[in-house]
Protein backbone atom coordinates (compact mmCIF):
# COMPACT_ATOMS: atom_id res chain seq x y z
CA MET A 1 13.01 20.95 2.61
CA LYS A 2 10.31 18.36 3.07
CA LEU A 3 9.10 16.81 -0.15
CA ARG A 4 5.44 17.44 -0.83
CA LEU A 5 4.79 15.16 -3.76
CA ASP A 6 1.38 14.78 -5.31
CA LYS A 7 -0.47 11.58 -4.52
CA ILE A 8 -0.60 9.01 -7.28
CA ASP A 9 -3.96 9.24 -9.02
CA VAL A 10 -5.42 5.74 -9.36
CA SER A 11 -9.04 6.84 -9.83
CA SER A 12 -9.27 5.28 -13.29
CA LYS A 13 -8.16 1.90 -11.90
CA VAL A 14 -10.66 2.23 -9.05
CA ASP A 15 -13.41 2.76 -11.61
CA GLU A 16 -12.28 -0.33 -13.51
CA PHE A 17 -12.29 -2.44 -10.36
CA ALA A 18 -15.76 -1.17 -9.48
CA GLN A 19 -16.98 -2.81 -12.69
CA TYR A 20 -15.49 -6.11 -11.49
CA LEU A 21 -17.27 -5.79 -8.13
CA GLU A 22 -20.55 -5.18 -9.91
CA ALA A 23 -20.22 -8.13 -12.26
CA ALA A 24 -18.33 -10.82 -10.29
CA ASP A 25 -18.74 -12.16 -6.76
CA ARG A 26 -15.32 -13.82 -6.57
CA ILE A 27 -12.33 -11.79 -7.72
CA ILE A 28 -8.57 -12.21 -7.59
CA LEU A 29 -6.71 -8.91 -7.42
CA SER A 30 -3.31 -9.83 -8.82
CA ALA A 31 -0.30 -7.59 -8.28
CA LYS A 32 3.38 -8.23 -7.70
CA PHE A 33 5.00 -7.42 -4.37
CA GLY A 34 5.62 -3.67 -4.17
CA ASP A 35 3.25 -2.81 -7.02
CA GLY A 36 0.94 -0.84 -4.75
CA LYS A 37 -2.03 -3.14 -4.20
CA THR A 38 -2.47 -2.01 -0.58
CA TYR A 39 -2.33 1.64 -1.66
CA PHE A 40 -4.88 0.84 -4.35
CA LEU A 41 -7.22 -0.92 -1.90
CA ASN A 42 -7.03 2.03 0.50
CA GLU A 43 -8.00 4.38 -2.30
CA LEU A 44 -10.78 1.97 -3.27
CA LYS A 45 -12.27 2.00 0.23
CA LYS A 46 -12.00 5.80 0.45
CA ASN A 47 -13.86 6.30 -2.84
CA LYS A 48 -17.09 8.13 -1.97
CA ASN A 49 -19.29 6.38 -4.51
CA LEU A 50 -18.07 2.92 -3.56
CA SER A 51 -18.23 3.55 0.20
CA GLU A 52 -21.90 4.42 -0.18
CA LYS A 53 -22.58 1.18 -2.03
CA TYR A 54 -20.22 -1.33 -0.39
CA GLU A 55 -19.18 -2.22 3.15
CA PHE A 56 -15.57 -3.46 3.06
CA PHE A 57 -14.06 -5.88 5.57
CA THR A 58 -10.33 -6.65 5.29
CA VAL A 59 -8.37 -9.46 6.92
CA TYR A 60 -4.65 -10.18 6.87
CA PRO A 61 -4.00 -13.93 7.28
CA VAL A 62 -0.25 -13.33 7.06
CA ASN A 63 -0.56 -12.11 10.65
CA TYR A 64 -1.55 -15.65 11.65
CA SER A 65 1.50 -17.31 10.14
CA VAL A 66 2.54 -18.76 13.51
CA ALA A 67 -0.91 -20.27 14.17
CA ASN A 68 -1.90 -23.86 13.52
CA SER A 69 -3.47 -24.38 10.12
CA GLU A 70 -6.90 -25.26 11.53
CA ASP A 71 -6.91 -22.06 13.62
CA VAL A 72 -6.56 -19.68 10.67
CA PHE A 73 -10.30 -19.38 10.05
CA GLU A 74 -10.87 -18.71 13.74
CA TYR A 75 -8.58 -15.69 13.44
CA ILE A 76 -10.34 -14.57 10.27
CA LYS A 77 -13.70 -14.73 12.10
CA ARG A 78 -12.22 -12.83 15.04
CA ASP A 79 -10.96 -10.02 12.79
CA ILE A 80 -14.30 -9.74 10.96
CA ILE A 81 -16.24 -9.62 14.24
CA HIS A 82 -13.79 -7.05 15.64
CA GLN A 83 -14.41 -4.79 12.62
CA MET A 84 -18.17 -5.22 13.07
CA TYR A 85 -17.79 -4.29 16.73
CA GLU A 86 -15.78 -1.15 15.92
CA ARG A 87 -18.49 -0.07 13.46
CA LYS A 88 -21.19 -0.67 16.12
CA GLU A 89 -22.96 -3.17 13.87
CA LEU A 90 -23.21 -6.09 16.31
CA ASP A 91 -25.73 -4.33 18.55
CA LYS A 92 -28.08 -3.79 15.58
CA ILE A 93 -28.78 -7.43 14.72
CA ASP A 94 -32.07 -9.28 15.17
CA VAL A 95 -31.29 -11.26 18.31
CA GLY A 96 -34.26 -13.58 17.80
CA ALA A 97 -33.21 -14.49 14.27
CA PHE A 98 -29.67 -15.09 15.47
CA PHE A 99 -30.73 -17.49 18.25
CA LYS A 100 -32.99 -19.31 15.83
CA ALA A 101 -30.09 -19.80 13.40
CA VAL A 102 -27.70 -21.16 16.04
CA GLN A 103 -28.45 -24.84 16.50
CA SER A 104 -26.26 -25.56 19.53
CA PHE A 105 -26.89 -24.32 23.05
CA VAL A 106 -23.15 -24.51 23.65
CA ASP A 107 -22.67 -22.01 20.82
CA ILE A 108 -25.44 -19.79 22.15
CA THR A 109 -23.84 -19.71 25.61
CA SER A 110 -20.45 -18.76 24.17
CA VAL A 111 -21.71 -16.04 21.86
CA VAL A 112 -24.16 -14.58 24.40
CA SER A 113 -21.26 -14.18 26.87
CA PHE A 114 -19.35 -12.42 24.10
CA LEU A 115 -22.27 -10.10 23.20
CA LEU A 116 -23.01 -9.17 26.80
CA SER A 117 -19.35 -8.20 27.28
CA PHE A 118 -19.81 -5.08 25.18
CA VAL A 119 -23.58 -4.42 24.99
CA PRO A 120 -24.54 -1.80 27.62
CA GLY A 121 -27.39 -2.43 30.04
CA GLY A 122 -30.88 -1.61 28.79
CA GLY A 123 -33.46 -2.94 26.40
CA LEU A 124 -31.07 -4.84 24.12
CA TYR A 125 -29.26 -6.36 27.09
CA ASN A 126 -32.54 -7.61 28.59
CA ASN A 127 -33.70 -8.81 25.18
CA ILE A 128 -30.58 -10.96 24.79
CA LEU A 129 -31.10 -12.54 28.21
CA GLU A 130 -34.78 -13.19 27.54
CA ARG A 131 -34.07 -14.77 24.15
CA PHE A 132 -31.26 -16.77 25.68
CA THR A 133 -33.63 -18.34 28.23
CA LYS A 134 -36.17 -19.26 25.55
CA ALA A 135 -33.44 -20.67 23.29
CA LYS A 136 -32.26 -22.94 26.10
CA GLU A 137 -35.78 -24.27 26.65
CA GLU A 138 -36.28 -24.96 22.94
CA TYR A 139 -32.89 -26.63 22.63
CA ASP A 140 -33.60 -28.91 25.60
CA LYS A 141 -36.85 -30.03 23.97
CA GLN A 142 -35.56 -30.84 20.49
CA LYS A 143 -31.97 -31.98 20.98
CA HIS A 144 -31.29 -35.53 19.86
CA THR A 145 -28.39 -37.73 18.75
CA ALA A 146 -28.39 -36.55 15.12
CA ASP A 147 -28.12 -32.93 16.27
CA LYS A 148 -25.17 -33.81 18.46
CA TYR A 149 -23.51 -35.66 15.58
CA LEU A 150 -23.96 -32.78 13.12
CA TYR A 151 -22.88 -30.34 15.82
CA LEU A 152 -19.45 -31.98 15.87
CA PHE A 153 -18.89 -31.04 12.21
CA LYS A 154 -20.38 -27.55 12.45
CA ASN A 155 -18.07 -26.74 15.35
CA GLN A 156 -14.91 -28.37 14.03
CA ARG A 157 -12.37 -25.53 14.04
CA GLY A 158 -11.14 -24.87 10.52
CA GLY A 159 -13.30 -27.69 9.15
CA LEU A 160 -15.00 -27.67 5.77
CA TYR A 161 -18.49 -27.61 7.32
CA GLU A 162 -17.70 -25.24 10.15
CA ASP A 163 -20.78 -23.15 11.00
CA ASP A 164 -20.62 -22.30 14.68
CA GLY A 165 -22.22 -19.51 16.66
CA TYR A 166 -19.62 -16.92 15.69
CA THR A 167 -20.10 -17.72 12.02
CA GLU A 168 -23.85 -17.25 12.50
CA LEU A 169 -23.17 -13.97 14.29
CA ILE A 170 -21.21 -12.77 11.24
CA LYS A 171 -23.96 -13.94 8.88
CA GLU A 172 -26.71 -12.25 10.87
CA THR A 173 -24.74 -8.99 11.06
CA LEU A 174 -24.09 -9.06 7.31
CA ARG A 175 -27.82 -9.56 6.73
CA TRP A 176 -28.45 -6.41 8.76
CA VAL A 177 -25.80 -4.46 6.81
CA LYS A 178 -27.46 -5.43 3.51
CA GLU A 179 -30.92 -4.27 4.59
CA ASP A 180 -32.22 -0.73 4.18
CA HIS A 181 -33.03 0.74 7.61
CA GLY A 182 -34.15 4.17 6.44
CA ASN A 183 -32.12 7.30 7.08
CA ASP A 184 -29.96 5.59 9.71
CA HIS A 185 -28.57 3.00 7.32
CA LYS A 186 -28.93 2.40 3.62
CA GLY A 187 -28.41 -1.20 2.63
CA LYS A 188 -24.98 -2.01 1.25
CA LYS A 189 -23.35 -4.94 -0.48
CA THR A 190 -20.66 -6.58 1.63
CA VAL A 191 -17.10 -7.31 0.46
CA LEU A 192 -14.49 -9.46 2.20
CA ILE A 193 -10.92 -8.65 1.16
CA ILE A 194 -8.31 -11.27 2.07
CA GLU A 195 -4.91 -9.57 1.75
CA ASP A 196 -1.44 -10.87 0.86
CA LEU A 197 -2.36 -14.52 0.38
CA ASP A 198 0.82 -15.22 -1.58
CA ARG A 199 2.88 -14.34 1.51
CA LEU A 200 1.35 -17.21 3.48
CA ASP A 201 2.86 -20.57 4.16
CA PRO A 202 1.50 -22.87 1.39
CA GLN A 203 -0.29 -25.06 3.96
CA HIS A 204 -2.21 -22.02 5.27
CA LEU A 205 -2.82 -20.59 1.80
CA PHE A 206 -4.37 -23.69 0.28
CA ARG A 207 -6.33 -24.56 3.43
CA ILE A 208 -8.04 -21.16 3.26
CA MET A 209 -8.79 -21.63 -0.41
CA ASN A 210 -10.05 -25.20 0.09
CA VAL A 211 -12.45 -24.10 2.84
CA LEU A 212 -13.65 -21.23 0.64
CA SER A 213 -14.14 -23.70 -2.19
CA ALA A 214 -16.25 -26.00 -0.02
CA HIS A 215 -18.62 -23.16 0.74
CA ILE A 216 -18.75 -21.98 -2.86
CA ASP A 217 -19.50 -25.45 -4.23
CA ASP A 218 -22.49 -26.42 -2.07
CA THR A 219 -23.52 -29.78 -3.54
CA SER A 220 -26.92 -29.59 -1.86
CA GLU A 221 -27.73 -26.60 -4.08
CA PRO A 222 -25.54 -27.04 -7.19
CA ASP A 223 -27.22 -24.19 -9.09
CA LYS A 224 -26.60 -21.67 -6.34
CA VAL A 225 -23.23 -20.04 -5.70
CA SER A 226 -22.59 -18.75 -2.19
CA ASN A 227 -19.65 -17.08 -0.50
CA LYS A 228 -18.26 -17.86 2.94
CA PHE A 229 -20.21 -16.06 5.73
CA GLY A 230 -22.67 -14.63 3.18
CA PHE A 231 -20.49 -11.86 1.73
CA ASP A 232 -21.64 -10.56 -1.64
CA ASN A 233 -18.06 -10.39 -2.91
CA ILE A 234 -14.82 -12.03 -1.86
CA VAL A 235 -11.59 -10.46 -3.13
CA LEU A 236 -8.44 -12.57 -2.86
CA VAL A 237 -5.29 -10.42 -3.05
CA MET A 238 -2.19 -12.15 -4.39
CA ASP A 239 0.29 -12.34 -7.22
CA TYR A 240 -1.58 -14.81 -9.43
CA GLU A 241 1.50 -15.87 -11.39
CA ALA A 242 3.74 -16.20 -8.31
CA THR A 243 1.07 -18.31 -6.59
CA LYS A 244 1.24 -20.69 -9.53
CA ASN A 245 4.86 -21.48 -8.62
CA ILE A 246 3.85 -22.04 -4.98
CA PHE A 247 1.01 -24.34 -6.13
CA HIS A 248 3.28 -26.48 -8.31
CA HIS A 249 5.90 -26.70 -5.56
CA PHE A 250 3.23 -27.82 -3.10
CA TYR A 251 1.13 -30.15 -5.28
CA GLY A 252 3.59 -31.08 -8.03
CA ILE A 253 4.43 -29.73 -11.46
CA GLY A 254 1.70 -31.79 -13.12
CA ALA A 255 -1.13 -30.34 -11.00
CA ASN A 256 -3.66 -28.20 -12.84
CA TYR A 257 -3.31 -24.71 -11.35
CA GLU A 258 -5.83 -22.99 -13.64
CA GLY A 259 -8.41 -25.68 -12.93
CA TYR A 260 -7.86 -25.37 -9.21
CA MET A 261 -8.12 -21.57 -9.23
CA SER A 262 -11.25 -21.61 -11.41
CA LYS A 263 -13.20 -22.55 -8.27
CA PHE A 264 -12.49 -19.08 -6.87
CA LEU A 265 -12.77 -17.05 -10.05
CA ALA A 266 -15.94 -15.63 -11.50
CA CYS A 267 -13.78 -13.82 -14.07
CA GLU A 268 -10.14 -13.48 -15.09
CA PRO A 269 -7.92 -11.94 -12.37
CA PHE A 270 -7.87 -8.17 -12.13
CA ARG A 271 -4.17 -7.51 -12.86
CA TYR A 272 -2.90 -4.32 -11.36
CA SER A 273 0.26 -2.26 -11.19
CA ILE A 274 0.85 1.45 -10.79
CA ARG A 275 4.62 1.20 -11.06
CA GLN A 276 4.96 3.11 -14.34
CA LEU A 277 2.44 5.71 -13.21
CA ALA A 278 4.26 6.05 -9.87
CA GLU A 279 7.65 6.47 -11.55
CA LYS A 280 6.38 9.14 -13.91
CA SER A 281 4.58 11.03 -11.16
CA PHE A 282 7.58 10.80 -8.81
CA VAL A 283 10.13 12.12 -11.34
CA GLU A 284 7.82 14.90 -12.49
CA ASN A 285 7.20 16.03 -8.93
CA ILE A 286 10.89 16.09 -8.01
CA GLY A 287 11.63 18.06 -11.18
CA ARG A 288 8.89 20.56 -10.42
CA ILE A 289 9.93 21.07 -6.79
CA LEU A 290 13.61 21.59 -7.64
CA GLY A 291 12.97 23.57 -10.83
CA ILE A 292 14.64 21.03 -13.14
CA GLU A 293 11.60 19.55 -14.92
CA LYS A 294 13.26 19.40 -18.34
CA SER A 295 16.62 18.10 -17.14
CA ILE A 296 15.76 15.44 -14.59
CA VAL A 297 14.42 13.02 -17.22
CA HIS A 298 17.93 12.93 -18.74
CA MET A 299 19.62 11.91 -15.48
CA ASP A 300 20.03 8.30 -16.53
CA ASN A 301 21.32 6.83 -13.28
CA PHE A 302 18.60 8.53 -11.26
CA ILE A 303 15.87 7.31 -13.63
CA ARG A 304 17.29 3.77 -13.55
CA ARG A 305 17.35 3.70 -9.76
CA VAL A 306 13.82 5.10 -9.53
CA SER A 307 12.61 2.29 -11.80
CA LYS A 308 13.73 -0.20 -9.12
CA LEU A 309 11.84 1.44 -6.26
CA SER A 310 8.73 -0.24 -4.89
CA ILE A 311 5.53 1.66 -4.21
CA ARG A 312 6.43 1.57 -0.52
CA ASP A 313 9.77 3.20 -1.41
CA PHE A 314 7.96 5.96 -3.31
CA ASN A 315 5.74 6.62 -0.31
CA ARG A 316 8.78 6.61 1.98
CA VAL A 317 10.68 9.13 -0.17
CA ARG A 318 7.49 11.22 -0.46
CA GLN A 319 7.80 11.82 3.29
CA PHE A 320 11.54 12.48 3.15
CA ASP A 321 12.67 15.75 4.70
CA THR A 322 16.07 16.77 3.33
CA ALA A 323 16.42 19.21 6.23
CA ASN A 324 16.92 16.20 8.50
CA ARG A 325 20.18 15.42 6.67
CA LEU A 326 21.55 18.96 6.66
CA LEU A 327 23.90 19.66 9.54
CA ARG A 328 24.02 23.43 8.97
CA ASN A 329 21.86 25.96 7.21
CA THR A 330 24.77 27.50 5.31
CA ILE A 331 28.10 26.39 3.93
CA ASN A 332 31.11 28.74 4.12
CA ILE A 333 33.44 28.67 1.09
CA ASN A 334 36.30 31.16 0.83
CA GLY A 335 34.53 33.55 3.17
CA ARG A 336 31.25 33.40 1.29
CA LYS A 337 28.11 31.81 2.73
CA ILE A 338 25.85 29.66 0.55
CA SER A 339 22.39 28.54 1.67
CA MET A 340 22.03 24.77 1.92
CA SER A 341 18.45 25.16 0.66
CA MET A 342 19.71 25.54 -2.91
CA PRO A 343 18.31 22.78 -5.20
CA VAL A 344 21.52 20.85 -5.84
CA PHE A 345 21.96 19.88 -2.18
CA SER A 346 18.38 18.62 -1.94
CA LEU A 347 18.84 16.71 -5.19
CA VAL A 348 21.98 14.99 -3.89
CA LEU A 349 20.16 13.93 -0.71
CA ILE A 350 17.16 12.66 -2.70
CA MET A 351 19.51 10.68 -4.94
CA ILE A 352 21.12 9.10 -1.89
CA GLU A 353 17.68 8.23 -0.49
CA CYS A 354 16.86 6.58 -3.84
CA ARG A 355 20.01 4.42 -3.40
CA LEU A 356 22.27 5.96 -6.02
CA ILE A 357 25.94 5.27 -5.36
CA ALA A 358 28.55 8.04 -5.40
CA LYS A 359 29.80 7.59 -8.96
CA GLU A 360 26.22 7.56 -10.30
CA ILE A 361 25.45 10.88 -8.63
CA ILE A 362 28.66 12.38 -10.00
CA ASN A 363 27.95 11.11 -13.51
CA ASP A 364 24.42 12.52 -13.50
CA LEU A 365 25.54 15.93 -12.27
CA THR A 366 28.55 16.28 -14.60
CA SER A 367 26.86 15.10 -17.79
CA SER A 368 24.83 17.92 -19.27
CA TYR A 369 23.76 15.97 -22.37
CA GLY A 370 20.11 16.70 -23.08
CA TYR A 371 19.76 18.99 -20.07
CA ASP A 372 18.06 22.37 -20.28
CA GLU A 373 20.95 24.85 -20.12
CA MET A 374 19.15 27.37 -17.91
CA GLU A 375 18.14 24.65 -15.42
CA TYR A 376 21.55 23.02 -15.42
CA ILE A 377 23.44 26.25 -14.71
CA LYS A 378 21.17 27.06 -11.77
CA LEU A 379 21.75 23.54 -10.46
CA ILE A 380 25.50 23.24 -10.96
CA VAL A 381 26.90 26.72 -10.14
CA PRO A 382 26.79 26.10 -6.35
CA ILE A 383 29.09 23.11 -7.03
CA CYS A 384 31.40 25.51 -8.86
CA PHE A 385 31.46 27.52 -5.63
CA LEU A 386 32.46 24.37 -3.70
CA ALA A 387 35.29 23.91 -6.22
CA GLY A 388 36.55 27.44 -5.52
CA GLN A 389 35.18 28.91 -8.77
CA TRP A 390 33.11 32.10 -8.65
CA PRO A 391 32.38 32.74 -12.33
CA GLU A 392 30.59 35.89 -13.47
CA TYR A 393 30.04 34.37 -16.92
CA ILE A 394 29.65 30.74 -17.93
CA SER A 395 29.79 29.21 -21.38
CA LEU A 396 27.73 26.04 -21.74
CA GLY A 397 27.00 24.32 -25.02
CA GLU A 398 26.17 27.03 -27.52
CA GLY A 399 25.13 29.61 -24.93
CA THR A 400 26.89 32.14 -22.72
CA TYR A 401 25.24 33.19 -19.46
CA GLN A 402 25.82 35.99 -16.98
CA ILE A 403 25.50 34.75 -13.40
CA GLY A 404 23.75 36.89 -10.80
CA LEU A 405 23.57 36.10 -7.09
CA GLU A 406 20.51 36.47 -4.88
CA VAL A 407 21.84 37.50 -1.47
CA GLU A 408 19.97 37.86 1.80
CA ASP A 409 21.68 38.85 5.07
CA GLY A 410 25.05 38.05 3.53
CA VAL A 411 23.98 34.53 2.42
CA ILE A 412 23.65 33.45 -1.21
CA ILE A 413 20.11 32.01 -1.36
CA GLY A 414 19.68 31.69 -5.11
CA LEU A 415 20.86 32.47 -8.62
CA ASN A 416 19.54 34.34 -11.57
CA HIS A 417 21.16 34.26 -14.97
CA ARG A 418 20.51 35.49 -18.45
CA ARG A 419 21.88 34.64 -21.83
CA VAL A 420 24.40 37.18 -23.16
CA TYR A 421 27.10 37.49 -25.79
CA ASN A 422 30.59 37.32 -24.31
CA PRO A 423 33.27 35.55 -26.35
CA ASN A 424 35.65 35.64 -23.37
CA ALA A 425 33.38 33.70 -21.02
CA LYS A 426 34.90 30.60 -19.43
CA SER A 427 33.33 27.20 -19.82
CA ILE A 428 32.34 25.20 -16.75
CA SER A 429 35.21 22.99 -15.65
CA ILE A 430 33.64 19.53 -15.35
CA TYR A 431 36.87 18.25 -13.79
CA ASN A 432 36.69 20.74 -10.94
CA ILE A 433 32.98 20.09 -10.43
CA GLU A 434 33.57 16.34 -10.29
CA GLY A 435 36.28 16.84 -7.67
CA ALA A 436 34.03 19.02 -5.54
CA LEU A 437 31.21 16.48 -5.72
CA ARG A 438 33.55 13.67 -4.78
CA GLU A 439 34.74 15.60 -1.74
CA LEU A 440 31.13 16.31 -0.77
CA LEU A 441 30.07 12.66 -1.07
CA ASN A 442 33.23 11.26 0.55
CA GLY A 443 32.59 13.31 3.66
CA GLU A 444 34.94 16.24 3.07
CA PHE A 445 31.99 18.52 3.81
CA ASN A 446 30.45 16.28 6.47
CA GLU A 447 30.06 19.22 8.81
CA TYR A 448 27.44 20.54 6.41
CA ILE A 449 25.64 17.54 4.94
CA ASN A 450 25.04 14.02 6.28
CA THR A 451 25.91 11.47 3.60
CA SER A 452 26.14 8.44 5.88
CA SER A 453 23.56 6.50 3.84
CA ILE A 454 25.51 6.58 0.60
CA TYR A 455 27.35 3.68 -1.02
CA LEU A 456 30.67 5.05 -2.20
CA ASP A 457 32.13 2.35 -4.44
CA GLN A 458 29.74 -0.60 -4.63
CA THR A 459 28.21 -1.42 -7.97
CA GLU A 460 25.28 -3.59 -9.03
């Protein structure tokens, strides 16, 4: 049985974040590791209303962790340009405006070679070459010592005043994205998302933020706030509180973290977590699929283990196929065949995948406190079969139930039971059930079910 759990609905949080995008140009999305920020951002970018209004670009500086600090922004530029290339936006720019913006012929030569590497022959190709020739002539006429001096700073890799040809290419492309070009393209606001900053080496992290700060605080125009490359919004993704510890470790306990971060914040951080929502949705879905909605919330060890799962764990278990851990389709007990598709076997495998240890699984399945009697009987009777019990009647709590078997081609595939009055009915023997479960989990029935992932005795 492959789990088909419902997706976690984060639409309300997406709507809340949309308000932040509308009102603030610099945002910190704060979430702890495993709280689902990447899942949230994917849902954000897939939102129809937002995708019509915003063009999202996402970079992952953690991928550059082995690079030199001054090279990090070069990789960021490369990733942005690569995304523009994949979206076929680079061949839409105003080539003349781009050449006019680039002040160095060296830059023009480099970027033209790059553009011609993917632009097919034709009008645009010829236009680039023609503009390139004119740009060279103009540069030769007006170049002087001051230009060369300023060029050194504008082309310093990772420098505060870096503004080379590739940066201008990004700026010019963003200008095109923001413009309305009729039916072919409606103008959009542009958003740069910088993911997982708190996973960076501190030297990389604070270099990125310092360069961003230099471009936000342009002292030549103190009343104007601008973002790096000309993006309308920059979203920094990190755990705001955890980054505070990194900051104090790097700069000293007396350094003013809030003051430092205020340079990047147009509002308080957007704090996000879907953990509680994910837990609730996960448990409800498992209960619905296995037919134990009322009982599963009382399985204390299971609930406790679920509370420790990350969002990535939830997504992993969502894709879990219990059939991959079943070694046979049926189990043969005392000459009777029982289908391994019955809910209790799937539940045991799901519990193992959620990292329950053996004694926790046994405790949850032998403690009926708070469980719905009808659900619990349907769940636990196959374990009675494993223990060699084939009861026709079962007494549980204050109720007595007659057990009926659903048989297909000689295999028990399910149970049906109804409440009756029978003073001679036997109660379920928890001792025998516990023994059968222990044999199952210890590998006694390893020809039927693969329990290799389970911890047998370890505790936490």
